[in-house]
Amino acid sequence: MSEHHFSRGFDSWQKTHFEVVEALCYLRDLQEEKESKNFSQMLDRSATEDLYQLAIELTDKFEAEKVERGGSTLFDLIEEFVYKETKH
């Protein structure tokens, strides 16, 4: 396992990572509703190595940016961020 740099500390990174994963799962659920899947495909909802890596990369990128919360929750900010980052 490679050494990881936590620019805002591990606690901040861990909270952000949790919310990034939640947002990715939420957006995946929304996308799956639009697609027809067979039973075995619906049962296999495990993540891939690519998805694990994407979650880490998005977490690092979000942590590196100075994001003002305003009246938004951390999840709302991260959901918007993840949507924008994965849209293209």
C-alpha atoms as a PDB file:
ATOM      1  CA  MET A   1       0.000   0.000   0.000  1.00  0.00           C
ATOM      2  CA  SER A   2       1.391   3.367  -0.969  1.00  0.00           C
ATOM      3  CA  GLU A   3       1.794   6.219   1.474  1.00  0.00           C
ATOM      4  CA  HIS A   4      -0.947   8.813   1.210  1.00  0.00           C
ATOM      5  CA  HIS A   5      -0.773  12.547   1.921  1.00  0.00           C
ATOM      6  CA  PHE A   6      -3.715  14.042   3.835  1.00  0.00           C
ATOM      7  CA  SER A   7      -3.517  17.769   3.103  1.00  0.00           C
ATOM      8  CA  ARG A   8      -6.188  18.703   5.667  1.00  0.00           C
ATOM      9  CA  GLY A   9      -5.547  15.825   8.076  1.00  0.00           C
ATOM     10  CA  PHE A  10      -6.840  12.264   8.114  1.00  0.00           C
ATOM     11  CA  ASP A  11     -10.144  13.050   9.859  1.00  0.00           C
ATOM     12  CA  SER A  12     -11.128  15.578   7.196  1.00  0.00           C
ATOM     13  CA  TRP A  13     -10.030  13.214   4.401  1.00  0.00           C
ATOM     14  CA  GLN A  14     -11.934  10.281   5.893  1.00  0.00           C
ATOM     15  CA  LYS A  15     -15.167  12.290   6.221  1.00  0.00           C
ATOM     16  CA  THR A  16     -14.822  13.552   2.664  1.00  0.00           C
ATOM     17  CA  HIS A  17     -14.042  10.058   1.350  1.00  0.00           C
ATOM     18  CA  PHE A  18     -17.118   8.634   3.056  1.00  0.00           C
ATOM     19  CA  GLU A  19     -19.322  11.312   1.477  1.00  0.00           C
ATOM     20  CA  VAL A  20     -17.672  10.856  -1.942  1.00  0.00           C
ATOM     21  CA  VAL A  21     -18.476   7.135  -1.830  1.00  0.00           C
ATOM     22  CA  GLU A  22     -22.041   7.922  -0.729  1.00  0.00           C
ATOM     23  CA  ALA A  23     -22.412  10.375  -3.630  1.00  0.00           C
ATOM     24  CA  LEU A  24     -20.989   7.886  -6.137  1.00  0.00           C
ATOM     25  CA  CYS A  25     -23.434   5.215  -4.927  1.00  0.00           C
ATOM     26  CA  TYR A  26     -26.337   7.677  -5.038  1.00  0.00           C
ATOM     27  CA  LEU A  27     -25.494   8.765  -8.573  1.00  0.00           C
ATOM     28  CA  ARG A  28     -25.018   5.126  -9.608  1.00  0.00           C
ATOM     29  CA  ASP A  29     -28.487   4.322  -8.252  1.00  0.00           C
ATOM     30  CA  LEU A  30     -29.989   7.174 -10.249  1.00  0.00           C
ATOM     31  CA  GLN A  31     -28.255   5.956 -13.409  1.00  0.00           C
ATOM     32  CA  GLU A  32     -29.295   2.337 -12.845  1.00  0.00           C
ATOM     33  CA  GLU A  33     -32.956   3.357 -12.739  1.00  0.00           C
ATOM     34  CA  LYS A  34     -32.597   4.464 -16.375  1.00  0.00           C
ATOM     35  CA  GLU A  35     -31.050   1.170 -17.523  1.00  0.00           C
ATOM     36  CA  SER A  36     -32.622  -2.233 -17.901  1.00  0.00           C
ATOM     37  CA  LYS A  37     -30.704  -4.941 -16.036  1.00  0.00           C
ATOM     38  CA  ASN A  38     -31.199  -8.637 -15.521  1.00  0.00           C
ATOM     39  CA  PHE A  39     -31.370 -10.201 -12.059  1.00  0.00           C
ATOM     40  CA  SER A  40     -27.714 -11.219 -11.803  1.00  0.00           C
ATOM     41  CA  GLN A  41     -26.583  -7.739 -12.847  1.00  0.00           C
ATOM     42  CA  MET A  42     -28.750  -6.196 -10.116  1.00  0.00           C
ATOM     43  CA  LEU A  43     -27.256  -8.530  -7.511  1.00  0.00           C
ATOM     44  CA  ASP A  44     -23.662  -7.696  -8.475  1.00  0.00           C
ATOM     45  CA  ARG A  45     -23.298  -4.156  -7.192  1.00  0.00           C
ATOM     46  CA  SER A  46     -19.749  -4.511  -5.943  1.00  0.00           C
ATOM     47  CA  ALA A  47     -17.274  -1.826  -6.856  1.00  0.00           C
ATOM     48  CA  THR A  48     -14.339  -2.287  -9.171  1.00  0.00           C
ATOM     49  CA  GLU A  49     -10.740  -1.270  -8.638  1.00  0.00           C
ATOM     50  CA  ASP A  50     -11.385   1.644 -11.011  1.00  0.00           C
ATOM     51  CA  LEU A  51     -14.239   2.856  -8.825  1.00  0.00           C
ATOM     52  CA  TYR A  52     -12.090   2.584  -5.688  1.00  0.00           C
ATOM     53  CA  GLN A  53      -9.398   4.655  -7.382  1.00  0.00           C
ATOM     54  CA  LEU A  54     -11.930   7.204  -8.610  1.00  0.00           C
ATOM     55  CA  ALA A  55     -13.225   7.669  -5.049  1.00  0.00           C
ATOM     56  CA  ILE A  56      -9.690   8.318  -3.787  1.00  0.00           C
ATOM     57  CA  GLU A  57      -8.906  10.740  -6.612  1.00  0.00           C
ATOM     58  CA  LEU A  58     -12.149  12.679  -6.105  1.00  0.00           C
ATOM     59  CA  THR A  59     -11.545  12.804  -2.353  1.00  0.00           C
ATOM     60  CA  ASP A  60      -8.029  14.166  -2.843  1.00  0.00           C
ATOM     61  CA  LYS A  61      -9.239  16.744  -5.367  1.00  0.00           C
ATOM     62  CA  PHE A  62     -12.100  17.921  -3.143  1.00  0.00           C
ATOM     63  CA  GLU A  63      -9.773  18.137  -0.127  1.00  0.00           C
ATOM     64  CA  ALA A  64      -7.280  20.210  -2.129  1.00  0.00           C
ATOM     65  CA  GLU A  65      -9.907  22.794  -3.043  1.00  0.00           C
ATOM     66  CA  LYS A  66     -11.065  25.439  -0.620  1.00  0.00           C
ATOM     67  CA  VAL A  67     -14.825  24.913  -0.707  1.00  0.00           C
ATOM     68  CA  GLU A  68     -17.078  27.334   1.147  1.00  0.00           C
ATOM     69  CA  ARG A  69     -20.043  25.589   2.723  1.00  0.00           C
ATOM     70  CA  GLY A  70     -22.435  28.517   2.834  1.00  0.00           C
ATOM     71  CA  GLY A  71     -25.731  26.940   3.920  1.00  0.00           C
ATOM     72  CA  SER A  72     -24.998  23.606   2.255  1.00  0.00           C
ATOM     73  CA  THR A  73     -24.223  20.343   3.994  1.00  0.00           C
ATOM     74  CA  LEU A  74     -20.963  18.536   3.283  1.00  0.00           C
ATOM     75  CA  PHE A  75     -22.894  15.839   1.400  1.00  0.00           C
ATOM     76  CA  ASP A  76     -24.639  18.426  -0.806  1.00  0.00           C
ATOM     77  CA  LEU A  77     -21.325  20.062  -1.680  1.00  0.00           C
ATOM     78  CA  ILE A  78     -19.687  16.734  -2.428  1.00  0.00           C
ATOM     79  CA  GLU A  79     -22.670  15.438  -4.410  1.00  0.00           C
ATOM     80  CA  GLU A  80     -22.504  18.496  -6.665  1.00  0.00           C
ATOM     81  CA  PHE A  81     -18.716  18.180  -6.959  1.00  0.00           C
ATOM     82  CA  VAL A  82     -18.849  14.448  -7.792  1.00  0.00           C
ATOM     83  CA  TYR A  83     -21.618  14.995 -10.339  1.00  0.00           C
ATOM     84  CA  LYS A  84     -19.606  17.698 -12.120  1.00  0.00           C
ATOM     85  CA  GLU A  85     -16.413  15.630 -12.057  1.00  0.00           C
ATOM     86  CA  THR A  86     -18.030  12.444 -13.378  1.00  0.00           C
ATOM     87  CA  LYS A  87     -20.282  14.120 -15.954  1.00  0.00           C
ATOM     88  CA  HIS A  88     -17.513  14.438 -18.540  1.00  0.00           C
END
